[in-house]
Amino acid sequence: MRLPDAVGVVGLGVMGGALARALSERGVSVRGWSPDPAEVRAAVEQGALASAAESVEDSARDVDWWIVATPLSALPEVFRRGAASEPPRVMDVASLQGPALAAAREAGMGRVHVSAHPMAGSERSGFGASRSDLYRGVPVWLSTGSQGSEEPLARAEAFWTALEARPLRIDAVEHDRRMAGVSHLPQLASNVLARVLEAEGFAPGDLGPGGRDATRLAASSPELWGDLLVHSGAEVAPLLRRLAAEAEALAGRLDAGELDDVKAMLDHTRRWRTS
């Protein structure tokens, strides 16, 4: 699969920085912009960018793909500004696709836009946390609001395949419903666990490997997650209530000494996780 010659990237944090690194390593000319000048300087110095864009509009000018890796709340304004440069193909890497597709339509770029959500990331943030192999082997969910045209999705599939990722098509509504369970619920469960441990007087240094694994997501950016939960909170709330009900039922079994039931639950979840 052949990658495009020139790509513009807006946002050089974990996701955008990883994309810039991966593309540059494969000989693509990447022009990038970030609201943080230090990230741009680091990306140029480390070879992730061929050049620094002077503005959002400049990042979208004369490129084969224009890719936006900003927080979800920034998409409407970034799309509006980038549309002035009329990029031929547009992609975001947001974690929710319904709001991303709506922002692209509002900016007049719906016919050339694909929302792409790579199932990758980090609890860390910033360009320094990005790495060029972040997308290797990971699923990338693709959806589009464009009607009657196969071209945007087909080109997006080719793009991600060339980066050694696994592109998969999905309806945006189904994608966002799925993310509430497989991404947003685990994040908030980790936050709740961290609060309980802190309230019991434990520090991060007291945790064993299991505790570190289970609370890793608690170190994630509150700005990023606050941005997402504006849209997904109503979907996640009933899942959190179900989690709380399961925890309460488990506590009741422990209180009653029903250890056979507890062991049966542990066996069930082990088989689910290892299947």
C-alpha atoms as a PDB file:
ATOM      1  CA  MET A   1       0.000   0.000   0.000  1.00  0.00           C
ATOM      2  CA  ARG A   2       1.334   3.410  -0.981  1.00  0.00           C
ATOM      3  CA  LEU A   3       1.091   6.320   1.422  1.00  0.00           C
ATOM      4  CA  PRO A   4       0.348   9.883   0.251  1.00  0.00           C
ATOM      5  CA  ASP A   5       3.216  12.243  -0.534  1.00  0.00           C
ATOM      6  CA  ALA A   6       2.137  15.099   1.743  1.00  0.00           C
ATOM      7  CA  VAL A   7       0.075  15.095   4.941  1.00  0.00           C
ATOM      8  CA  GLY A   8      -0.934  17.936   7.225  1.00  0.00           C
ATOM      9  CA  VAL A   9      -1.430  17.211  10.921  1.00  0.00           C
ATOM     10  CA  VAL A  10      -3.106  19.454  13.481  1.00  0.00           C
ATOM     11  CA  GLY A  11      -2.356  18.480  17.058  1.00  0.00           C
ATOM     12  CA  LEU A  12       0.942  16.858  18.035  1.00  0.00           C
ATOM     13  CA  GLY A  13       0.088  15.089  21.258  1.00  0.00           C
ATOM     14  CA  VAL A  14       0.135  11.324  21.696  1.00  0.00           C
ATOM     15  CA  MET A  15      -2.125  10.582  18.727  1.00  0.00           C
ATOM     16  CA  GLY A  16      -1.027  13.286  16.289  1.00  0.00           C
ATOM     17  CA  GLY A  17       2.613  12.988  17.305  1.00  0.00           C
ATOM     18  CA  ALA A  18       2.577   9.221  16.754  1.00  0.00           C
ATOM     19  CA  LEU A  19       1.005   9.725  13.345  1.00  0.00           C
ATOM     20  CA  ALA A  20       3.594  12.329  12.348  1.00  0.00           C
ATOM     21  CA  ARG A  21       6.429  10.047  13.486  1.00  0.00           C
ATOM     22  CA  ALA A  22       5.053   7.000  11.666  1.00  0.00           C
ATOM     23  CA  LEU A  23       4.444   8.893   8.424  1.00  0.00           C
ATOM     24  CA  SER A  24       7.830  10.622   8.450  1.00  0.00           C
ATOM     25  CA  GLU A  25       9.621   7.315   9.030  1.00  0.00           C
ATOM     26  CA  ARG A  26       7.950   6.089   5.841  1.00  0.00           C
ATOM     27  CA  GLY A  27       9.089   9.050   3.763  1.00  0.00           C
ATOM     28  CA  VAL A  28       5.920  11.131   3.862  1.00  0.00           C
ATOM     29  CA  SER A  29       6.359  14.912   4.002  1.00  0.00           C
ATOM     30  CA  VAL A  30       4.454  15.995   7.126  1.00  0.00           C
ATOM     31  CA  ARG A  31       3.590  19.600   7.892  1.00  0.00           C
ATOM     32  CA  GLY A  32       2.247  20.030  11.406  1.00  0.00           C
ATOM     33  CA  TRP A  33       0.702  22.610  13.688  1.00  0.00           C
ATOM     34  CA  SER A  34       0.029  22.633  17.409  1.00  0.00           C
ATOM     35  CA  PRO A  35      -1.185  25.332  19.795  1.00  0.00           C
ATOM     36  CA  ASP A  36       1.913  24.458  21.832  1.00  0.00           C
ATOM     37  CA  PRO A  37       5.029  25.854  20.065  1.00  0.00           C
ATOM     38  CA  ALA A  38       7.271  23.601  22.166  1.00  0.00           C
ATOM     39  CA  GLU A  39       5.592  20.527  20.689  1.00  0.00           C
ATOM     40  CA  VAL A  40       6.155  21.831  17.169  1.00  0.00           C
ATOM     41  CA  ARG A  41       9.837  22.519  17.871  1.00  0.00           C
ATOM     42  CA  ALA A  42      10.326  19.056  19.367  1.00  0.00           C
ATOM     43  CA  ALA A  43       8.568  17.405  16.423  1.00  0.00           C
ATOM     44  CA  VAL A  44      10.769  19.242  13.907  1.00  0.00           C
ATOM     45  CA  GLU A  45      13.961  18.544  15.870  1.00  0.00           C
ATOM     46  CA  GLN A  46      13.135  14.836  16.170  1.00  0.00           C
ATOM     47  CA  GLY A  47      12.284  14.458  12.492  1.00  0.00           C
ATOM     48  CA  ALA A  48       8.557  13.880  12.918  1.00  0.00           C
ATOM     49  CA  LEU A  49       7.789  16.975  10.842  1.00  0.00           C
ATOM     50  CA  ALA A  50       9.325  18.070   7.555  1.00  0.00           C
ATOM     51  CA  SER A  51       8.070  21.578   8.291  1.00  0.00           C
ATOM     52  CA  ALA A  52       6.055  23.555  10.816  1.00  0.00           C
ATOM     53  CA  ALA A  53       2.768  25.055   9.634  1.00  0.00           C
ATOM     54  CA  GLU A  54       2.211  28.705  10.398  1.00  0.00           C
ATOM     55  CA  SER A  55      -1.472  28.188  11.193  1.00  0.00           C
ATOM     56  CA  VAL A  56      -4.314  25.684  11.101  1.00  0.00           C
ATOM     57  CA  GLU A  57      -5.144  26.951   7.614  1.00  0.00           C
ATOM     58  CA  ASP A  58      -1.554  26.474   6.463  1.00  0.00           C
ATOM     59  CA  SER A  59      -1.487  22.889   7.746  1.00  0.00           C
ATOM     60  CA  ALA A  60      -4.383  22.036   5.409  1.00  0.00           C
ATOM     61  CA  ARG A  61      -2.907  23.685   2.315  1.00  0.00           C
ATOM     62  CA  ASP A  62      -1.446  21.614  -0.572  1.00  0.00           C
ATOM     63  CA  VAL A  63      -1.667  18.234   1.167  1.00  0.00           C
ATOM     64  CA  ASP A  64      -3.085  14.870   0.107  1.00  0.00           C
ATOM     65  CA  TRP A  65      -4.591  14.214   3.540  1.00  0.00           C
ATOM     66  CA  TRP A  66      -5.352  16.679   6.318  1.00  0.00           C
ATOM     67  CA  ILE A  67      -5.584  14.948   9.697  1.00  0.00           C
ATOM     68  CA  VAL A  68      -6.925  16.553  12.853  1.00  0.00           C
ATOM     69  CA  ALA A  69      -5.757  15.108  16.182  1.00  0.00           C
ATOM     70  CA  THR A  70      -7.203  17.664  18.591  1.00  0.00           C
ATOM     71  CA  PRO A  71      -9.603  17.321  21.525  1.00  0.00           C
ATOM     72  CA  LEU A  72     -13.175  16.731  20.421  1.00  0.00           C
ATOM     73  CA  SER A  73     -14.347  20.158  21.569  1.00  0.00           C
ATOM     74  CA  ALA A  74     -11.802  21.839  19.270  1.00  0.00           C
ATOM     75  CA  LEU A  75     -12.971  20.070  16.102  1.00  0.00           C
ATOM     76  CA  PRO A  76     -15.695  22.534  15.002  1.00  0.00           C
ATOM     77  CA  GLU A  77     -13.338  25.521  15.040  1.00  0.00           C
ATOM     78  CA  VAL A  78     -10.381  23.619  13.586  1.00  0.00           C
ATOM     79  CA  PHE A  79     -12.519  22.180  10.778  1.00  0.00           C
ATOM     80  CA  ARG A  80     -13.966  25.618  10.041  1.00  0.00           C
ATOM     81  CA  ARG A  81     -10.519  27.124   9.707  1.00  0.00           C
ATOM     82  CA  GLY A  82      -9.054  24.242   7.718  1.00  0.00           C
ATOM     83  CA  ALA A  83     -11.957  24.223   5.267  1.00  0.00           C
ATOM     84  CA  ALA A  84     -10.739  27.562   3.909  1.00  0.00           C
ATOM     85  CA  SER A  85      -7.745  25.734   2.409  1.00  0.00           C
ATOM     86  CA  GLU A  86      -9.992  23.132   0.722  1.00  0.00           C
ATOM     87  CA  PRO A  87      -8.042  19.964   1.601  1.00  0.00           C
ATOM     88  CA  PRO A  88      -9.025  17.099  -0.731  1.00  0.00           C
ATOM     89  CA  ARG A  89      -9.258  14.466   2.023  1.00  0.00           C
ATOM     90  CA  VAL A  90      -9.868  14.995   5.735  1.00  0.00           C
ATOM     91  CA  MET A  91      -9.649  12.683   8.699  1.00  0.00           C
ATOM     92  CA  ASP A  92      -9.895  13.056  12.467  1.00  0.00           C
ATOM     93  CA  VAL A  93      -8.749  10.577  15.124  1.00  0.00           C
ATOM     94  CA  ALA A  94     -11.340  11.474  17.754  1.00  0.00           C
ATOM     95  CA  SER A  95     -12.672   8.898  20.203  1.00  0.00           C
ATOM     96  CA  LEU A  96     -16.323   9.661  19.377  1.00  0.00           C
ATOM     97  CA  GLN A  97     -17.457   9.699  15.775  1.00  0.00           C
ATOM     98  CA  GLY A  98     -20.956  11.170  15.864  1.00  0.00           C
ATOM     99  CA  PRO A  99     -19.788  14.612  17.068  1.00  0.00           C
ATOM    100  CA  ALA A 100     -16.784  14.506  14.707  1.00  0.00           C
ATOM    101  CA  LEU A 101     -18.943  13.787  11.667  1.00  0.00           C
ATOM    102  CA  ALA A 102     -21.339  16.559  12.666  1.00  0.00           C
ATOM    103  CA  ALA A 103     -18.471  19.062  12.979  1.00  0.00           C
ATOM    104  CA  ALA A 104     -17.153  18.147   9.531  1.00  0.00           C
ATOM    105  CA  ARG A 105     -20.611  18.536   7.959  1.00  0.00           C
ATOM    106  CA  GLU A 106     -21.042  21.913   9.627  1.00  0.00           C
ATOM    107  CA  ALA A 107     -17.715  23.048   8.155  1.00  0.00           C
ATOM    108  CA  GLY A 108     -18.791  21.930   4.680  1.00  0.00           C
ATOM    109  CA  MET A 109     -16.303  19.044   4.482  1.00  0.00           C
ATOM    110  CA  GLY A 110     -18.640  16.099   5.004  1.00  0.00           C
ATOM    111  CA  ARG A 111     -18.087  14.629   1.539  1.00  0.00           C
ATOM    112  CA  VAL A 112     -14.312  14.391   1.946  1.00  0.00           C
ATOM    113  CA  HIS A 113     -14.182  13.546   5.647  1.00  0.00           C
ATOM    114  CA  VAL A 114     -13.697  10.219   7.433  1.00  0.00           C
ATOM    115  CA  SER A 115     -13.761   9.815  11.195  1.00  0.00           C
ATOM    116  CA  ALA A 116     -11.048   7.359  12.249  1.00  0.00           C
ATOM    117  CA  HIS A 117     -10.681   6.077  15.791  1.00  0.00           C
ATOM    118  CA  PRO A 118      -7.506   4.043  16.388  1.00  0.00           C
ATOM    119  CA  MET A 119      -7.875   1.821  19.448  1.00  0.00           C
ATOM    120  CA  ALA A 120      -4.584   3.060  20.836  1.00  0.00           C
ATOM    121  CA  GLY A 121      -3.379   5.757  23.167  1.00  0.00           C
ATOM    122  CA  SER A 122      -1.694   6.403  26.489  1.00  0.00           C
ATOM    123  CA  GLU A 123      -2.503   7.673  29.962  1.00  0.00           C
ATOM    124  CA  ARG A 124       0.341  10.131  29.337  1.00  0.00           C
ATOM    125  CA  SER A 125      -0.071  13.206  27.170  1.00  0.00           C
ATOM    126  CA  GLY A 126       1.972  15.440  24.865  1.00  0.00           C
ATOM    127  CA  PHE A 127       4.372  14.860  22.005  1.00  0.00           C
ATOM    128  CA  GLY A 128       6.946  13.322  24.334  1.00  0.00           C
ATOM    129  CA  ALA A 129       4.561  10.421  25.014  1.00  0.00           C
ATOM    130  CA  SER A 130       4.079   9.627  21.310  1.00  0.00           C
ATOM    131  CA  ARG A 131       5.851   6.816  19.502  1.00  0.00           C
ATOM    132  CA  SER A 132       6.019   5.758  15.883  1.00  0.00           C
ATOM    133  CA  ASP A 133       4.703   2.218  16.408  1.00  0.00           C
ATOM    134  CA  LEU A 134       1.577   3.251  18.322  1.00  0.00           C
ATOM    135  CA  TYR A 135      -0.777   2.193  15.535  1.00  0.00           C
ATOM    136  CA  ARG A 136       0.944  -0.996  14.450  1.00  0.00           C
ATOM    137  CA  GLY A 137      -1.520  -3.882  14.515  1.00  0.00           C
ATOM    138  CA  VAL A 138      -4.329  -1.935  16.203  1.00  0.00           C
ATOM    139  CA  PRO A 139      -7.935  -1.749  14.986  1.00  0.00           C
ATOM    140  CA  VAL A 140      -8.951   1.612  13.502  1.00  0.00           C
ATOM    141  CA  TRP A 141     -12.705   2.208  13.347  1.00  0.00           C
ATOM    142  CA  LEU A 142     -13.797   4.168  10.272  1.00  0.00           C
ATOM    143  CA  SER A 143     -17.098   5.898   9.624  1.00  0.00           C
ATOM    144  CA  THR A 144     -18.267   8.607   7.273  1.00  0.00           C
ATOM    145  CA  GLY A 145     -21.269  10.850   6.822  1.00  0.00           C
ATOM    146  CA  SER A 146     -20.736  10.955   3.058  1.00  0.00           C
ATOM    147  CA  GLN A 147     -23.536   9.367   1.049  1.00  0.00           C
ATOM    148  CA  GLY A 148     -23.092   7.611  -2.271  1.00  0.00           C
ATOM    149  CA  SER A 149     -19.288   7.653  -2.401  1.00  0.00           C
ATOM    150  CA  GLU A 150     -16.943   4.782  -1.626  1.00  0.00           C
ATOM    151  CA  GLU A 151     -13.822   6.857  -2.261  1.00  0.00           C
ATOM    152  CA  PRO A 152     -13.233   8.476   1.174  1.00  0.00           C
ATOM    153  CA  LEU A 153     -13.522   5.191   3.083  1.00  0.00           C
ATOM    154  CA  ALA A 154     -11.475   3.231   0.567  1.00  0.00           C
ATOM    155  CA  ARG A 155      -8.650   5.759   0.701  1.00  0.00           C
ATOM    156  CA  ALA A 156      -8.784   5.837   4.513  1.00  0.00           C
ATOM    157  CA  GLU A 157      -8.531   2.053   4.589  1.00  0.00           C
ATOM    158  CA  ALA A 158      -5.497   2.153   2.319  1.00  0.00           C
ATOM    159  CA  PHE A 159      -3.914   4.859   4.491  1.00  0.00           C
ATOM    160  CA  TRP A 160      -4.198   2.893   7.731  1.00  0.00           C
ATOM    161  CA  THR A 161      -3.239  -0.396   6.109  1.00  0.00           C
ATOM    162  CA  ALA A 162      -0.013   1.235   4.910  1.00  0.00           C
ATOM    163  CA  LEU A 163       0.690   2.176   8.545  1.00  0.00           C
ATOM    164  CA  GLU A 164       0.263  -1.504   9.505  1.00  0.00           C
ATOM    165  CA  ALA A 165      -2.997  -0.852  11.349  1.00  0.00           C
ATOM    166  CA  ARG A 166      -6.259  -2.802  10.865  1.00  0.00           C
ATOM    167  CA  PRO A 167      -9.011  -0.550   9.465  1.00  0.00           C
ATOM    168  CA  LEU A 168     -12.605  -1.603  10.155  1.00  0.00           C
ATOM    169  CA  ARG A 169     -15.807   0.073   8.975  1.00  0.00           C
ATOM    170  CA  ILE A 170     -18.553   0.841  11.476  1.00  0.00           C
ATOM    171  CA  ASP A 171     -21.687   2.938  11.816  1.00  0.00           C
ATOM    172  CA  ALA A 172     -20.942   6.042  13.886  1.00  0.00           C
ATOM    173  CA  VAL A 173     -23.852   5.523  16.288  1.00  0.00           C
ATOM    174  CA  GLU A 174     -22.805   1.929  16.961  1.00  0.00           C
ATOM    175  CA  HIS A 175     -19.188   3.035  17.382  1.00  0.00           C
ATOM    176  CA  ASP A 176     -20.045   5.600  20.032  1.00  0.00           C
ATOM    177  CA  ARG A 177     -22.324   3.146  21.885  1.00  0.00           C
ATOM    178  CA  ARG A 178     -19.516   0.597  21.870  1.00  0.00           C
ATOM    179  CA  MET A 179     -16.922   3.078  23.156  1.00  0.00           C
ATOM    180  CA  ALA A 180     -19.076   3.905  26.176  1.00  0.00           C
ATOM    181  CA  GLY A 181     -18.618   0.300  27.291  1.00  0.00           C
ATOM    182  CA  VAL A 182     -15.164  -0.738  26.133  1.00  0.00           C
ATOM    183  CA  SER A 183     -13.331   2.547  26.724  1.00  0.00           C
ATOM    184  CA  HIS A 184     -15.193   5.082  28.843  1.00  0.00           C
ATOM    185  CA  LEU A 185     -16.470   2.665  31.506  1.00  0.00           C
ATOM    186  CA  PRO A 186     -12.977   1.194  32.164  1.00  0.00           C
ATOM    187  CA  GLN A 187     -11.578   4.722  32.432  1.00  0.00           C
ATOM    188  CA  LEU A 188     -14.090   5.794  35.069  1.00  0.00           C
ATOM    189  CA  ALA A 189     -13.831   2.475  36.921  1.00  0.00           C
ATOM    190  CA  SER A 190     -10.098   3.107  37.239  1.00  0.00           C
ATOM    191  CA  ASN A 191     -10.781   6.612  38.571  1.00  0.00           C
ATOM    192  CA  VAL A 192     -13.240   5.272  41.151  1.00  0.00           C
ATOM    193  CA  LEU A 193     -10.780   2.578  42.273  1.00  0.00           C
ATOM    194  CA  ALA A 194      -8.083   5.225  42.700  1.00  0.00           C
ATOM    195  CA  ARG A 195     -10.430   7.307  44.884  1.00  0.00           C
ATOM    196  CA  VAL A 196     -11.237   4.314  47.097  1.00  0.00           C
ATOM    197  CA  LEU A 197      -7.572   3.426  47.527  1.00  0.00           C
ATOM    198  CA  GLU A 198      -6.651   7.025  48.341  1.00  0.00           C
ATOM    199  CA  ALA A 199      -9.503   7.275  50.859  1.00  0.00           C
ATOM    200  CA  GLU A 200      -8.146   4.141  52.557  1.00  0.00           C
ATOM    201  CA  GLY A 201      -4.774   5.828  52.978  1.00  0.00           C
ATOM    202  CA  PHE A 202      -2.844   4.093  50.212  1.00  0.00           C
ATOM    203  CA  ALA A 203      -0.338   5.868  47.978  1.00  0.00           C
ATOM    204  CA  PRO A 204       0.582   4.868  44.398  1.00  0.00           C
ATOM    205  CA  GLY A 205       3.899   3.550  45.691  1.00  0.00           C
ATOM    206  CA  ASP A 206       2.056   1.047  47.870  1.00  0.00           C
ATOM    207  CA  LEU A 207       0.448  -0.693  44.890  1.00  0.00           C
ATOM    208  CA  GLY A 208       1.488  -4.075  43.597  1.00  0.00           C
ATOM    209  CA  PRO A 209       1.446  -4.991  39.888  1.00  0.00           C
ATOM    210  CA  GLY A 210      -2.308  -5.611  39.887  1.00  0.00           C
ATOM    211  CA  GLY A 211      -3.053  -2.315  41.566  1.00  0.00           C
ATOM    212  CA  ARG A 212      -0.779  -0.458  39.170  1.00  0.00           C
ATOM    213  CA  ASP A 213      -2.450  -2.088  36.181  1.00  0.00           C
ATOM    214  CA  ALA A 214      -5.961  -1.420  37.466  1.00  0.00           C
ATOM    215  CA  THR A 215      -5.291   2.252  38.247  1.00  0.00           C
ATOM    216  CA  ARG A 216      -3.110   3.078  35.214  1.00  0.00           C
ATOM    217  CA  LEU A 217      -5.983   4.886  33.486  1.00  0.00           C
ATOM    218  CA  ALA A 218      -6.539   7.063  36.541  1.00  0.00           C
ATOM    219  CA  ALA A 219      -3.487   9.035  35.404  1.00  0.00           C
ATOM    220  CA  SER A 220      -5.221  10.021  32.132  1.00  0.00           C
ATOM    221  CA  SER A 221      -5.891  13.641  31.208  1.00  0.00           C
ATOM    222  CA  PRO A 222      -9.014  15.010  32.958  1.00  0.00           C
ATOM    223  CA  GLU A 223      -9.338  17.621  30.208  1.00  0.00           C
ATOM    224  CA  LEU A 224      -9.475  14.949  27.517  1.00  0.00           C
ATOM    225  CA  TRP A 225     -12.010  12.836  29.374  1.00  0.00           C
ATOM    226  CA  GLY A 226     -14.143  15.773  30.431  1.00  0.00           C
ATOM    227  CA  ASP A 227     -14.298  16.673  26.750  1.00  0.00           C
ATOM    228  CA  LEU A 228     -15.547  13.197  25.795  1.00  0.00           C
ATOM    229  CA  LEU A 229     -17.974  12.704  28.663  1.00  0.00           C
ATOM    230  CA  VAL A 230     -19.935  15.782  27.608  1.00  0.00           C
ATOM    231  CA  HIS A 231     -21.119  13.566  24.745  1.00  0.00           C
ATOM    232  CA  SER A 232     -20.993  10.045  26.221  1.00  0.00           C
ATOM    233  CA  GLY A 233     -21.987  10.627  29.851  1.00  0.00           C
ATOM    234  CA  ALA A 234     -25.598   9.570  29.358  1.00  0.00           C
ATOM    235  CA  GLU A 235     -24.430   6.285  27.780  1.00  0.00           C
ATOM    236  CA  VAL A 236     -21.863   5.565  30.499  1.00  0.00           C
ATOM    237  CA  ALA A 237     -24.053   6.365  33.533  1.00  0.00           C
ATOM    238  CA  PRO A 238     -26.197   3.176  33.390  1.00  0.00           C
ATOM    239  CA  LEU A 239     -23.074   1.076  32.882  1.00  0.00           C
ATOM    240  CA  LEU A 240     -21.542   2.599  36.014  1.00  0.00           C
ATOM    241  CA  ARG A 241     -24.731   1.776  37.916  1.00  0.00           C
ATOM    242  CA  ARG A 242     -24.517  -1.826  36.738  1.00  0.00           C
ATOM    243  CA  LEU A 243     -20.871  -1.931  37.834  1.00  0.00           C
ATOM    244  CA  ALA A 244     -21.879  -0.583  41.246  1.00  0.00           C
ATOM    245  CA  ALA A 245     -24.636  -3.197  41.528  1.00  0.00           C
ATOM    246  CA  GLU A 246     -22.197  -6.007  40.689  1.00  0.00           C
ATOM    247  CA  ALA A 247     -19.747  -4.666  43.291  1.00  0.00           C
ATOM    248  CA  GLU A 248     -22.510  -4.502  45.903  1.00  0.00           C
ATOM    249  CA  ALA A 249     -23.600  -8.059  45.129  1.00  0.00           C
ATOM    250  CA  LEU A 250     -20.002  -9.272  45.428  1.00  0.00           C
ATOM    251  CA  ALA A 251     -19.634  -7.490  48.770  1.00  0.00           C
ATOM    252  CA  GLY A 252     -22.799  -9.222  49.974  1.00  0.00           C
ATOM    253  CA  ARG A 253     -21.400 -12.641  49.055  1.00  0.00           C
ATOM    254  CA  LEU A 254     -18.184 -11.876  50.939  1.00  0.00           C
ATOM    255  CA  ASP A 255     -20.157 -10.696  53.980  1.00  0.00           C
ATOM    256  CA  ALA A 256     -22.140 -13.935  53.913  1.00  0.00           C
ATOM    257  CA  GLY A 257     -19.057 -16.092  53.422  1.00  0.00           C
ATOM    258  CA  GLU A 258     -20.408 -17.436  50.112  1.00  0.00           C
ATOM    259  CA  LEU A 259     -16.924 -18.097  48.795  1.00  0.00           C
ATOM    260  CA  ASP A 260     -18.018 -20.792  46.356  1.00  0.00           C
ATOM    261  CA  ASP A 261     -20.130 -18.187  44.558  1.00  0.00           C
ATOM    262  CA  VAL A 262     -17.208 -15.775  44.587  1.00  0.00           C
ATOM    263  CA  LYS A 263     -14.887 -18.416  43.140  1.00  0.00           C
ATOM    264  CA  ALA A 264     -17.458 -19.226  40.463  1.00  0.00           C
ATOM    265  CA  MET A 265     -17.577 -15.549  39.493  1.00  0.00           C
ATOM    266  CA  LEU A 266     -13.773 -15.385  39.370  1.00  0.00           C
ATOM    267  CA  ASP A 267     -13.671 -18.477  37.178  1.00  0.00           C
ATOM    268  CA  HIS A 268     -16.305 -17.031  34.849  1.00  0.00           C
ATOM    269  CA  THR A 269     -14.471 -13.746  34.393  1.00  0.00           C
ATOM    270  CA  ARG A 270     -11.120 -15.500  33.935  1.00  0.00           C
ATOM    271  CA  ARG A 271     -12.577 -17.622  31.137  1.00  0.00           C
ATOM    272  CA  TRP A 272     -14.122 -14.517  29.521  1.00  0.00           C
ATOM    273  CA  ARG A 273     -10.851 -12.596  29.689  1.00  0.00           C
ATOM    274  CA  THR A 274      -8.699 -15.447  28.353  1.00  0.00           C
ATOM    275  CA  SER A 275     -11.063 -16.689  25.634  1.00  0.00           C
END
